[in-house]
Amino acid sequence: MAETAPPSLPSLHASHSGCWLRDRAGTRAVGKGEAIMAASDTPLLLLNAPLLASRLGYPDLSGLDLLELFAFVHPARFAVPTLPADPDKVHRRAREFPSRARGAVRP
């Protein structure tokens, strides 16, 4: 499977096993300090910003939270946090999401 192009906005993920930053250069492991600096320098794509802030120990973390966007676009809709087994379907849905979100908030 071909590697997808990195997003135009950097994204950040932190778990119990480490932190990862994905930007135009690709994905790399970073320390908590570098992750906090990246978050304070530029807007980042995040998933569940409150959890990420607690894992980094940085309560003032702000960014573009995709989980919050989903809750705004689809209020009161349950979402299972798993991906389909077909990688092509995942990439297709990821490409379609911004246009679907724009269409959902139009008057």
Protein backbone atom coordinates (compact mmCIF):
# COMPACT_ATOMS: atom_id res chain seq x y z
CA MET A 1 0.00 0.00 0.00
CA ALA A 2 1.37 3.44 -0.90
CA GLU A 3 2.06 5.93 1.89
CA THR A 4 -0.41 8.79 2.05
CA ALA A 5 0.78 12.38 1.80
CA PRO A 6 1.17 14.12 5.17
CA PRO A 7 -1.59 16.59 6.04
CA SER A 8 -0.97 20.30 5.46
CA LEU A 9 -1.53 20.89 9.18
CA PRO A 10 0.68 19.00 11.61
CA SER A 11 -0.97 16.48 13.90
CA LEU A 12 -0.03 15.25 17.35
CA HIS A 13 -0.75 12.02 19.18
CA ALA A 14 0.27 11.05 22.70
CA SER A 15 -0.27 7.74 24.42
CA HIS A 16 1.19 5.98 27.43
CA SER A 17 4.02 4.70 25.27
CA GLY A 18 5.10 8.01 23.70
CA CYS A 19 4.29 11.06 21.58
CA TRP A 20 4.26 11.34 17.79
CA LEU A 21 4.18 14.39 15.58
CA ARG A 22 3.26 14.18 11.90
CA ASP A 23 4.10 17.12 9.66
CA ARG A 24 5.31 17.68 6.12
CA ALA A 25 8.55 15.86 6.95
CA GLY A 26 6.65 12.73 7.99
CA THR A 27 5.91 11.04 11.30
CA ARG A 28 8.45 11.02 14.10
CA ALA A 29 8.55 10.24 17.80
CA VAL A 30 8.98 13.33 19.98
CA GLY A 31 9.40 13.97 23.69
CA LYS A 32 6.77 15.70 25.81
CA GLY A 33 8.71 18.97 25.74
CA GLU A 34 8.92 19.04 21.95
CA ALA A 35 5.23 18.09 21.68
CA ILE A 36 4.26 20.99 23.95
CA MET A 37 6.46 23.40 21.99
CA ALA A 38 4.89 22.24 18.70
CA ALA A 39 1.40 22.71 20.16
CA SER A 40 2.19 26.23 21.32
CA ASP A 41 3.83 27.26 18.03
CA THR A 42 1.22 26.27 15.46
CA PRO A 43 -2.33 24.89 15.28
CA LEU A 44 -2.30 21.10 15.41
CA LEU A 45 -4.82 18.46 14.47
CA LEU A 46 -5.69 16.58 17.65
CA LEU A 47 -8.00 13.79 18.64
CA ASN A 48 -9.54 14.25 22.10
CA ALA A 49 -7.66 17.38 23.17
CA PRO A 50 -8.53 17.09 26.91
CA LEU A 51 -7.00 13.60 27.09
CA LEU A 52 -3.96 14.71 25.10
CA ALA A 53 -3.51 17.72 27.42
CA SER A 54 -3.57 15.49 30.49
CA ARG A 55 -1.07 13.04 28.97
CA LEU A 56 1.30 15.89 28.17
CA GLY A 57 0.75 17.60 31.51
CA TYR A 58 -0.11 20.81 29.65
CA PRO A 59 -3.66 21.92 30.57
CA ASP A 60 -3.54 24.98 28.28
CA LEU A 61 -3.27 22.82 25.15
CA SER A 62 -5.39 24.04 22.28
CA GLY A 63 -5.70 22.83 18.73
CA LEU A 64 -8.11 21.60 16.10
CA ASP A 65 -9.84 18.71 17.86
CA LEU A 66 -11.33 16.28 15.34
CA LEU A 67 -13.39 14.57 18.03
CA GLU A 68 -14.99 17.90 18.92
CA LEU A 69 -15.66 18.57 15.22
CA PHE A 70 -17.36 15.18 14.87
CA ALA A 71 -19.53 15.91 17.92
CA PHE A 72 -20.50 19.27 16.40
CA VAL A 73 -21.30 17.89 12.95
CA HIS A 74 -23.09 14.79 14.27
CA PRO A 75 -24.64 15.73 17.64
CA ALA A 76 -25.90 12.83 19.75
CA ARG A 77 -24.51 10.27 17.29
CA PHE A 78 -22.60 7.35 18.75
CA ALA A 79 -19.27 6.57 17.10
CA VAL A 80 -17.30 3.40 17.64
CA PRO A 81 -13.58 4.28 17.84
CA THR A 82 -12.47 1.62 15.37
CA LEU A 83 -11.51 1.66 11.73
CA PRO A 84 -12.85 -0.55 8.96
CA ALA A 85 -10.60 -3.42 7.95
CA ASP A 86 -10.24 -2.05 4.40
CA PRO A 87 -7.45 0.64 4.35
CA ASP A 88 -8.78 2.13 1.09
CA LYS A 89 -12.14 2.73 2.74
CA VAL A 90 -10.40 4.53 5.64
CA HIS A 91 -8.51 6.85 3.27
CA ARG A 92 -11.63 7.52 1.18
CA ARG A 93 -13.61 8.45 4.30
CA ALA A 94 -10.79 10.70 5.52
CA ARG A 95 -10.73 12.53 2.17
CA GLU A 96 -14.54 12.92 2.17
CA PHE A 97 -14.85 14.16 5.77
CA PRO A 98 -13.99 17.87 5.24
CA SER A 99 -16.53 18.27 2.43
CA ARG A 100 -19.20 16.39 4.40
CA ALA A 101 -18.50 18.57 7.45
CA ARG A 102 -18.78 21.77 5.38
CA GLY A 103 -22.08 20.56 3.95
CA ALA A 104 -23.46 19.78 7.39
CA VAL A 105 -22.94 23.30 8.72
CA ARG A 106 -24.23 25.24 5.70
CA PRO A 107 -27.47 27.17 6.33
